[in-house]
Amino acid sequence: MNAKQYLLSLSIAIASLCVNHTIASAAYLNSGYTKADLTKDIANKTFIEEFRASSLIGNDGDISYELEIKDIIQPGNKPGSSKKEQFNWKNGETVNFALSFDGKNLIYKVGGVTLRQFNVIENDLDINGLVLSATTNSNSTVDLALTNIQIEGDVEYSDLFGKSGETNLLKITGIERTFTLTGTQIFSWQGQRPTNFDLAYDIRVGTFNDPIAQTVTGNVEIPEPTTISFFSFGVLGLAANCRRLKNS
């Protein structure tokens, strides 16, 4: 098994920041959020993952797919469902992607492939956050550029840095049920093509219930419906030694 972990090097060169709103924008940079913090949030139910969009390379078991939307929570406690498609990843190729949710329909587009899943959550489940994470091995990288973010509701961006500017997760909170993410991604590798989901990234969508975060943001004026465009927002996945957190 190749060494792997959720470790990203986050480099931000913001040449332009545009906010389509009459109120000044509010962006928050916090530090220290890690894979362990995410695992703890899930265990303590301070983050409820409601669905997940994944791009990945390599089959797992006898199921062959490399794009997925997974519905984590189902009405009536029914087993989660997912929509899966195959995708022909090319080494170093830039691929456009978009993930959008209008309160009822979740649509994930990667390249020329569209995955669409209807009625993924009930109306009493409130979406308010996203967590982006990546998996690599010692011979592979993930470049993920978020070129446009549209979110309805109060907006808080948490670009979570570790030591020396390294981060393993990107967290966005303050969503009120609907959002659109667009960007580009590049999967790169040396030697043999990755297998067993050794190269992947996930966008986890759900609900944060963090009293500390609520206390902090409650004292800060944050704008209503907003569009924020980053000229450059680069994320590079590095090598590590932890298995991909697949079923957290």
C-alpha atoms as a PDB file:
ATOM      1  CA  MET A   1       0.000   0.000   0.000  1.00  0.00           C
ATOM      2  CA  ASN A   2       1.373   3.421  -0.940  1.00  0.00           C
ATOM      3  CA  ALA A   3       1.841   6.011   1.802  1.00  0.00           C
ATOM      4  CA  LYS A   4      -0.864   8.673   1.808  1.00  0.00           C
ATOM      5  CA  GLN A   5      -2.504  11.373   3.906  1.00  0.00           C
ATOM      6  CA  TYR A   6      -4.734  14.355   3.850  1.00  0.00           C
ATOM      7  CA  LEU A   7      -2.017  16.984   3.461  1.00  0.00           C
ATOM      8  CA  LEU A   8      -2.246  19.980   1.194  1.00  0.00           C
ATOM      9  CA  SER A   9       0.068  22.903   0.609  1.00  0.00           C
ATOM     10  CA  LEU A  10      -2.119  25.978   0.257  1.00  0.00           C
ATOM     11  CA  SER A  11      -0.752  28.947  -1.734  1.00  0.00           C
ATOM     12  CA  ILE A  12      -3.019  31.932  -2.183  1.00  0.00           C
ATOM     13  CA  ALA A  13      -2.161  34.756  -4.595  1.00  0.00           C
ATOM     14  CA  ILE A  14      -5.294  36.886  -4.544  1.00  0.00           C
ATOM     15  CA  ALA A  15      -4.871  39.331  -7.410  1.00  0.00           C
ATOM     16  CA  SER A  16      -8.554  40.209  -7.420  1.00  0.00           C
ATOM     17  CA  LEU A  17     -11.322  39.822  -4.848  1.00  0.00           C
ATOM     18  CA  CYS A  18     -14.778  40.876  -6.052  1.00  0.00           C
ATOM     19  CA  VAL A  19     -17.890  40.947  -3.889  1.00  0.00           C
ATOM     20  CA  ASN A  20     -21.235  41.620  -5.585  1.00  0.00           C
ATOM     21  CA  HIS A  21     -22.941  43.215  -2.618  1.00  0.00           C
ATOM     22  CA  THR A  22     -23.448  46.677  -1.163  1.00  0.00           C
ATOM     23  CA  ILE A  23     -21.980  45.649   2.213  1.00  0.00           C
ATOM     24  CA  ALA A  24     -18.232  45.181   2.581  1.00  0.00           C
ATOM     25  CA  SER A  25     -17.066  41.587   2.420  1.00  0.00           C
ATOM     26  CA  ALA A  26     -15.915  39.629   5.441  1.00  0.00           C
ATOM     27  CA  ALA A  27     -13.387  36.831   5.086  1.00  0.00           C
ATOM     28  CA  TYR A  28     -11.900  34.966   8.054  1.00  0.00           C
ATOM     29  CA  LEU A  29      -8.569  33.150   8.146  1.00  0.00           C
ATOM     30  CA  ASN A  30      -8.375  30.606  10.956  1.00  0.00           C
ATOM     31  CA  SER A  31      -5.656  28.074  11.751  1.00  0.00           C
ATOM     32  CA  GLY A  32      -5.255  24.577  13.076  1.00  0.00           C
ATOM     33  CA  TYR A  33      -8.167  22.635  11.555  1.00  0.00           C
ATOM     34  CA  THR A  34      -6.888  19.144  10.725  1.00  0.00           C
ATOM     35  CA  LYS A  35      -8.043  15.708   9.667  1.00  0.00           C
ATOM     36  CA  ALA A  36      -8.175  14.844  13.382  1.00  0.00           C
ATOM     37  CA  ASP A  37     -10.453  17.840  13.994  1.00  0.00           C
ATOM     38  CA  LEU A  38     -12.765  16.716  11.199  1.00  0.00           C
ATOM     39  CA  THR A  39     -12.850  13.178  12.597  1.00  0.00           C
ATOM     40  CA  LYS A  40     -13.672  14.588  16.037  1.00  0.00           C
ATOM     41  CA  ASP A  41     -16.384  16.878  14.636  1.00  0.00           C
ATOM     42  CA  ILE A  42     -18.004  13.913  12.900  1.00  0.00           C
ATOM     43  CA  ALA A  43     -17.776  11.723  16.016  1.00  0.00           C
ATOM     44  CA  ASN A  44     -19.212  14.475  18.245  1.00  0.00           C
ATOM     45  CA  LYS A  45     -21.841  15.389  15.634  1.00  0.00           C
ATOM     46  CA  THR A  46     -20.622  18.972  15.506  1.00  0.00           C
ATOM     47  CA  PHE A  47     -20.349  18.343  11.770  1.00  0.00           C
ATOM     48  CA  ILE A  48     -23.094  16.302  10.111  1.00  0.00           C
ATOM     49  CA  GLU A  49     -22.065  15.219   6.629  1.00  0.00           C
ATOM     50  CA  GLU A  50     -25.152  15.131   4.425  1.00  0.00           C
ATOM     51  CA  PHE A  51     -23.631  14.354   1.066  1.00  0.00           C
ATOM     52  CA  ARG A  52     -20.262  14.166  -0.637  1.00  0.00           C
ATOM     53  CA  ALA A  53     -18.947  14.777  -4.155  1.00  0.00           C
ATOM     54  CA  SER A  54     -15.774  12.888  -5.041  1.00  0.00           C
ATOM     55  CA  SER A  55     -13.277  12.774  -7.881  1.00  0.00           C
ATOM     56  CA  LEU A  56     -10.881   9.860  -7.665  1.00  0.00           C
ATOM     57  CA  ILE A  57      -8.583   7.525  -9.547  1.00  0.00           C
ATOM     58  CA  GLY A  58      -8.584   3.767  -9.180  1.00  0.00           C
ATOM     59  CA  ASN A  59     -11.231   1.182  -8.441  1.00  0.00           C
ATOM     60  CA  ASP A  60     -11.988  -0.116  -4.952  1.00  0.00           C
ATOM     61  CA  GLY A  61     -13.034  -3.752  -4.783  1.00  0.00           C
ATOM     62  CA  ASP A  62     -15.258  -4.886  -7.656  1.00  0.00           C
ATOM     63  CA  ILE A  63     -16.922  -1.505  -8.261  1.00  0.00           C
ATOM     64  CA  SER A  64     -15.524   0.515 -11.141  1.00  0.00           C
ATOM     65  CA  TYR A  65     -16.101   4.264 -10.976  1.00  0.00           C
ATOM     66  CA  GLU A  66     -14.074   7.443 -10.694  1.00  0.00           C
ATOM     67  CA  LEU A  67     -16.715  10.118 -10.065  1.00  0.00           C
ATOM     68  CA  GLU A  68     -19.321   9.947  -7.325  1.00  0.00           C
ATOM     69  CA  ILE A  69     -22.057  11.843  -5.525  1.00  0.00           C
ATOM     70  CA  LYS A  70     -22.872  10.055  -2.291  1.00  0.00           C
ATOM     71  CA  ASP A  71     -26.030  10.758  -0.296  1.00  0.00           C
ATOM     72  CA  ILE A  72     -24.988  10.217   3.331  1.00  0.00           C
ATOM     73  CA  ILE A  73     -28.335  10.884   5.017  1.00  0.00           C
ATOM     74  CA  GLN A  74     -31.570   9.377   3.699  1.00  0.00           C
ATOM     75  CA  PRO A  75     -35.182  10.007   4.808  1.00  0.00           C
ATOM     76  CA  GLY A  76     -36.437   7.341   7.194  1.00  0.00           C
ATOM     77  CA  ASN A  77     -32.919   6.124   7.983  1.00  0.00           C
ATOM     78  CA  LYS A  78     -32.702   4.302   4.655  1.00  0.00           C
ATOM     79  CA  PRO A  79     -29.244   3.253   3.432  1.00  0.00           C
ATOM     80  CA  GLY A  80     -27.295   5.991   1.699  1.00  0.00           C
ATOM     81  CA  SER A  81     -27.349   6.035  -2.081  1.00  0.00           C
ATOM     82  CA  SER A  82     -24.870   7.282  -4.642  1.00  0.00           C
ATOM     83  CA  LYS A  83     -24.519   8.171  -8.297  1.00  0.00           C
ATOM     84  CA  LYS A  84     -21.304   6.959  -9.926  1.00  0.00           C
ATOM     85  CA  GLU A  85     -19.673   7.434 -13.303  1.00  0.00           C
ATOM     86  CA  GLN A  86     -16.400   6.461 -14.958  1.00  0.00           C
ATOM     87  CA  PHE A  87     -14.000   9.174 -16.101  1.00  0.00           C
ATOM     88  CA  ASN A  88     -10.876   9.018 -18.243  1.00  0.00           C
ATOM     89  CA  TRP A  89      -8.353  10.960 -16.168  1.00  0.00           C
ATOM     90  CA  LYS A  90      -5.229  12.061 -18.033  1.00  0.00           C
ATOM     91  CA  ASN A  91      -1.964  12.801 -16.276  1.00  0.00           C
ATOM     92  CA  GLY A  92      -1.529  16.555 -15.781  1.00  0.00           C
ATOM     93  CA  GLU A  93      -4.701  17.549 -17.646  1.00  0.00           C
ATOM     94  CA  THR A  94      -6.682  20.570 -16.428  1.00  0.00           C
ATOM     95  CA  VAL A  95     -10.358  19.651 -15.976  1.00  0.00           C
ATOM     96  CA  ASN A  96     -13.222  22.046 -15.179  1.00  0.00           C
ATOM     97  CA  PHE A  97     -15.611  21.141 -12.378  1.00  0.00           C
ATOM     98  CA  ALA A  98     -18.748  22.585 -10.775  1.00  0.00           C
ATOM     99  CA  LEU A  99     -20.760  21.544  -7.728  1.00  0.00           C
ATOM    100  CA  SER A 100     -24.111  23.233  -7.096  1.00  0.00           C
ATOM    101  CA  PHE A 101     -27.042  22.735  -4.733  1.00  0.00           C
ATOM    102  CA  ASP A 102     -30.342  24.650  -4.999  1.00  0.00           C
ATOM    103  CA  GLY A 103     -31.960  23.261  -1.854  1.00  0.00           C
ATOM    104  CA  LYS A 104     -33.257  20.176  -3.643  1.00  0.00           C
ATOM    105  CA  ASN A 105     -31.040  19.212  -6.576  1.00  0.00           C
ATOM    106  CA  LEU A 106     -27.337  18.428  -6.256  1.00  0.00           C
ATOM    107  CA  ILE A 107     -25.395  18.594  -9.519  1.00  0.00           C
ATOM    108  CA  TYR A 108     -21.717  17.665  -9.910  1.00  0.00           C
ATOM    109  CA  LYS A 109     -20.044  18.308 -13.271  1.00  0.00           C
ATOM    110  CA  VAL A 110     -16.504  17.218 -14.109  1.00  0.00           C
ATOM    111  CA  GLY A 111     -15.249  17.734 -17.647  1.00  0.00           C
ATOM    112  CA  GLY A 112     -18.004  16.550 -19.957  1.00  0.00           C
ATOM    113  CA  VAL A 113     -19.608  14.271 -17.355  1.00  0.00           C
ATOM    114  CA  THR A 114     -22.599  15.344 -15.241  1.00  0.00           C
ATOM    115  CA  LEU A 115     -23.768  13.526 -12.136  1.00  0.00           C
ATOM    116  CA  ARG A 116     -27.173  14.660 -10.921  1.00  0.00           C
ATOM    117  CA  GLN A 117     -29.013  13.490  -7.815  1.00  0.00           C
ATOM    118  CA  PHE A 118     -32.462  14.774  -6.870  1.00  0.00           C
ATOM    119  CA  ASN A 119     -34.023  15.187  -3.436  1.00  0.00           C
ATOM    120  CA  VAL A 120     -30.750  14.429  -1.700  1.00  0.00           C
ATOM    121  CA  ILE A 121     -31.915  15.860   1.633  1.00  0.00           C
ATOM    122  CA  GLU A 122     -35.162  16.754   3.364  1.00  0.00           C
ATOM    123  CA  ASN A 123     -36.184  20.360   3.959  1.00  0.00           C
ATOM    124  CA  ASP A 124     -35.472  20.170   7.701  1.00  0.00           C
ATOM    125  CA  LEU A 125     -31.760  19.522   7.090  1.00  0.00           C
ATOM    126  CA  ASP A 126     -29.934  22.839   6.825  1.00  0.00           C
ATOM    127  CA  ILE A 127     -26.727  23.046   4.814  1.00  0.00           C
ATOM    128  CA  ASN A 128     -24.234  25.543   6.274  1.00  0.00           C
ATOM    129  CA  GLY A 129     -20.743  24.315   5.424  1.00  0.00           C
ATOM    130  CA  LEU A 130     -18.302  22.564   3.112  1.00  0.00           C
ATOM    131  CA  VAL A 131     -15.044  20.728   3.768  1.00  0.00           C
ATOM    132  CA  LEU A 132     -12.616  20.040   0.919  1.00  0.00           C
ATOM    133  CA  SER A 133      -9.945  17.383   1.424  1.00  0.00           C
ATOM    134  CA  ALA A 134      -7.548  15.416  -0.757  1.00  0.00           C
ATOM    135  CA  THR A 135      -5.706  12.110  -0.879  1.00  0.00           C
ATOM    136  CA  THR A 136      -2.358  11.571  -2.566  1.00  0.00           C
ATOM    137  CA  ASN A 137       0.531   9.137  -2.442  1.00  0.00           C
ATOM    138  CA  SER A 138       4.281   9.654  -2.715  1.00  0.00           C
ATOM    139  CA  ASN A 139       4.127   9.805  -6.518  1.00  0.00           C
ATOM    140  CA  SER A 140       1.030  11.933  -7.065  1.00  0.00           C
ATOM    141  CA  THR A 141      -0.408  15.413  -6.549  1.00  0.00           C
ATOM    142  CA  VAL A 142      -3.754  17.209  -6.656  1.00  0.00           C
ATOM    143  CA  ASP A 143      -4.003  20.794  -7.933  1.00  0.00           C
ATOM    144  CA  LEU A 144      -7.398  22.262  -7.071  1.00  0.00           C
ATOM    145  CA  ALA A 145      -8.270  25.844  -8.051  1.00  0.00           C
ATOM    146  CA  LEU A 146     -11.536  27.409  -6.876  1.00  0.00           C
ATOM    147  CA  THR A 147     -12.241  30.079  -9.469  1.00  0.00           C
ATOM    148  CA  ASN A 148     -15.707  31.138  -8.323  1.00  0.00           C
ATOM    149  CA  ILE A 149     -17.774  30.652  -5.179  1.00  0.00           C
ATOM    150  CA  GLN A 150     -21.441  31.675  -4.988  1.00  0.00           C
ATOM    151  CA  ILE A 151     -23.182  31.211  -1.668  1.00  0.00           C
ATOM    152  CA  GLU A 152     -26.622  32.290  -0.480  1.00  0.00           C
ATOM    153  CA  GLY A 153     -26.637  33.496   3.108  1.00  0.00           C
ATOM    154  CA  ASP A 154     -24.024  34.804   5.521  1.00  0.00           C
ATOM    155  CA  VAL A 155     -20.526  33.968   4.385  1.00  0.00           C
ATOM    156  CA  GLU A 156     -17.443  32.911   6.327  1.00  0.00           C
ATOM    157  CA  TYR A 157     -14.358  31.516   4.642  1.00  0.00           C
ATOM    158  CA  SER A 158     -11.927  29.555   6.787  1.00  0.00           C
ATOM    159  CA  ASP A 159      -8.661  28.978   4.939  1.00  0.00           C
ATOM    160  CA  LEU A 160      -7.062  26.711   7.491  1.00  0.00           C
ATOM    161  CA  PHE A 161      -3.287  26.824   7.629  1.00  0.00           C
ATOM    162  CA  GLY A 162      -0.876  24.538   9.436  1.00  0.00           C
ATOM    163  CA  LYS A 163       2.857  25.031   9.871  1.00  0.00           C
ATOM    164  CA  SER A 164       4.760  26.684   7.023  1.00  0.00           C
ATOM    165  CA  GLY A 165       1.550  27.465   5.196  1.00  0.00           C
ATOM    166  CA  GLU A 166       0.558  23.803   4.931  1.00  0.00           C
ATOM    167  CA  THR A 167      -3.028  22.709   5.382  1.00  0.00           C
ATOM    168  CA  ASN A 168      -4.920  19.467   5.093  1.00  0.00           C
ATOM    169  CA  LEU A 169      -8.437  20.831   4.746  1.00  0.00           C
ATOM    170  CA  LEU A 170     -10.309  23.824   3.373  1.00  0.00           C
ATOM    171  CA  LYS A 171     -13.433  24.711   5.337  1.00  0.00           C
ATOM    172  CA  ILE A 172     -16.198  27.075   4.177  1.00  0.00           C
ATOM    173  CA  THR A 173     -19.043  27.918   6.566  1.00  0.00           C
ATOM    174  CA  GLY A 174     -22.006  30.271   6.693  1.00  0.00           C
ATOM    175  CA  ILE A 175     -24.067  28.750   3.868  1.00  0.00           C
ATOM    176  CA  GLU A 176     -27.863  28.880   3.913  1.00  0.00           C
ATOM    177  CA  ARG A 177     -28.769  25.757   1.936  1.00  0.00           C
ATOM    178  CA  THR A 178     -27.727  26.823  -1.566  1.00  0.00           C
ATOM    179  CA  PHE A 179     -24.307  27.254  -3.150  1.00  0.00           C
ATOM    180  CA  THR A 180     -22.252  26.911  -6.330  1.00  0.00           C
ATOM    181  CA  LEU A 181     -18.553  26.052  -6.526  1.00  0.00           C
ATOM    182  CA  THR A 182     -16.670  26.198  -9.817  1.00  0.00           C
ATOM    183  CA  GLY A 183     -13.034  25.622 -10.546  1.00  0.00           C
ATOM    184  CA  THR A 184     -10.383  23.466 -12.152  1.00  0.00           C
ATOM    185  CA  GLN A 185      -8.549  20.363 -11.023  1.00  0.00           C
ATOM    186  CA  ILE A 186      -5.390  18.577 -12.123  1.00  0.00           C
ATOM    187  CA  PHE A 187      -4.460  15.014 -11.166  1.00  0.00           C
ATOM    188  CA  SER A 188      -0.756  14.317 -11.728  1.00  0.00           C
ATOM    189  CA  TRP A 189       1.374  11.267 -11.067  1.00  0.00           C
ATOM    190  CA  GLN A 190       4.758   9.743 -11.823  1.00  0.00           C
ATOM    191  CA  GLY A 191       5.189   6.173 -12.995  1.00  0.00           C
ATOM    192  CA  GLN A 192       2.243   3.805 -12.677  1.00  0.00           C
ATOM    193  CA  ARG A 193      -1.274   5.226 -12.691  1.00  0.00           C
ATOM    194  CA  PRO A 194      -2.659   5.403  -9.102  1.00  0.00           C
ATOM    195  CA  THR A 195      -5.051   2.655  -7.974  1.00  0.00           C
ATOM    196  CA  ASN A 196      -7.387   1.957  -5.034  1.00  0.00           C
ATOM    197  CA  PHE A 197      -8.407   5.613  -4.711  1.00  0.00           C
ATOM    198  CA  ASP A 198      -4.812   6.634  -3.936  1.00  0.00           C
ATOM    199  CA  LEU A 199      -5.409   9.939  -5.731  1.00  0.00           C
ATOM    200  CA  ALA A 200      -8.666  11.721  -4.925  1.00  0.00           C
ATOM    201  CA  TYR A 201     -10.402  14.759  -3.513  1.00  0.00           C
ATOM    202  CA  ASP A 202     -13.725  15.069  -1.708  1.00  0.00           C
ATOM    203  CA  ILE A 203     -16.138  17.943  -1.172  1.00  0.00           C
ATOM    204  CA  ARG A 204     -18.119  17.135   1.979  1.00  0.00           C
ATOM    205  CA  VAL A 205     -21.349  19.101   2.350  1.00  0.00           C
ATOM    206  CA  GLY A 206     -23.208  19.297   5.635  1.00  0.00           C
ATOM    207  CA  THR A 207     -24.063  21.101   8.850  1.00  0.00           C
ATOM    208  CA  PHE A 208     -21.639  22.526  11.418  1.00  0.00           C
ATOM    209  CA  ASN A 209     -22.874  22.937  14.993  1.00  0.00           C
ATOM    210  CA  ASP A 210     -19.915  24.555  16.705  1.00  0.00           C
ATOM    211  CA  PRO A 211     -20.766  26.812  19.704  1.00  0.00           C
ATOM    212  CA  ILE A 212     -17.333  28.466  19.602  1.00  0.00           C
ATOM    213  CA  ALA A 213     -17.642  29.354  15.921  1.00  0.00           C
ATOM    214  CA  GLN A 214     -21.177  30.613  16.480  1.00  0.00           C
ATOM    215  CA  THR A 215     -19.976  32.888  19.290  1.00  0.00           C
ATOM    216  CA  VAL A 216     -17.181  34.352  17.172  1.00  0.00           C
ATOM    217  CA  THR A 217     -19.219  34.954  14.019  1.00  0.00           C
ATOM    218  CA  GLY A 218     -22.180  36.262  16.004  1.00  0.00           C
ATOM    219  CA  ASN A 219     -20.211  39.428  16.816  1.00  0.00           C
ATOM    220  CA  VAL A 220     -19.144  40.151  13.243  1.00  0.00           C
ATOM    221  CA  GLU A 221     -21.241  41.712  10.503  1.00  0.00           C
ATOM    222  CA  ILE A 222     -21.228  39.352   7.498  1.00  0.00           C
ATOM    223  CA  PRO A 223     -22.859  40.189   4.158  1.00  0.00           C
ATOM    224  CA  GLU A 224     -25.939  38.530   2.677  1.00  0.00           C
ATOM    225  CA  PRO A 225     -25.996  36.776  -0.762  1.00  0.00           C
ATOM    226  CA  THR A 226     -22.495  37.113  -2.129  1.00  0.00           C
ATOM    227  CA  THR A 227     -20.318  36.140  -5.053  1.00  0.00           C
ATOM    228  CA  ILE A 228     -16.592  35.991  -4.353  1.00  0.00           C
ATOM    229  CA  SER A 229     -14.108  35.327  -7.160  1.00  0.00           C
ATOM    230  CA  PHE A 230     -10.504  34.371  -6.484  1.00  0.00           C
ATOM    231  CA  PHE A 231      -8.061  35.079  -9.289  1.00  0.00           C
ATOM    232  CA  SER A 232      -5.735  32.401  -7.972  1.00  0.00           C
ATOM    233  CA  PHE A 233      -6.396  29.843  -5.301  1.00  0.00           C
ATOM    234  CA  GLY A 234      -4.045  26.883  -5.601  1.00  0.00           C
ATOM    235  CA  VAL A 235      -4.059  23.693  -3.561  1.00  0.00           C
ATOM    236  CA  LEU A 236      -1.344  21.043  -3.997  1.00  0.00           C
ATOM    237  CA  GLY A 237      -1.622  17.575  -2.461  1.00  0.00           C
ATOM    238  CA  LEU A 238       1.650  16.165  -1.032  1.00  0.00           C
ATOM    239  CA  ALA A 239       2.822  12.687   0.008  1.00  0.00           C
ATOM    240  CA  ALA A 240       1.937  11.095   3.352  1.00  0.00           C
ATOM    241  CA  ASN A 241       1.288   7.970   5.344  1.00  0.00           C
ATOM    242  CA  CYS A 242      -2.396   7.761   6.205  1.00  0.00           C
ATOM    243  CA  ARG A 243      -5.151   5.813   4.447  1.00  0.00           C
ATOM    244  CA  ARG A 244      -7.904   7.877   2.847  1.00  0.00           C
ATOM    245  CA  LEU A 245     -10.757   8.564   5.254  1.00  0.00           C
ATOM    246  CA  LYS A 246     -13.441   6.967   3.113  1.00  0.00           C
ATOM    247  CA  ASN A 247     -16.341   6.309   5.433  1.00  0.00           C
ATOM    248  CA  SER A 248     -16.063   8.987   8.094  1.00  0.00           C
END
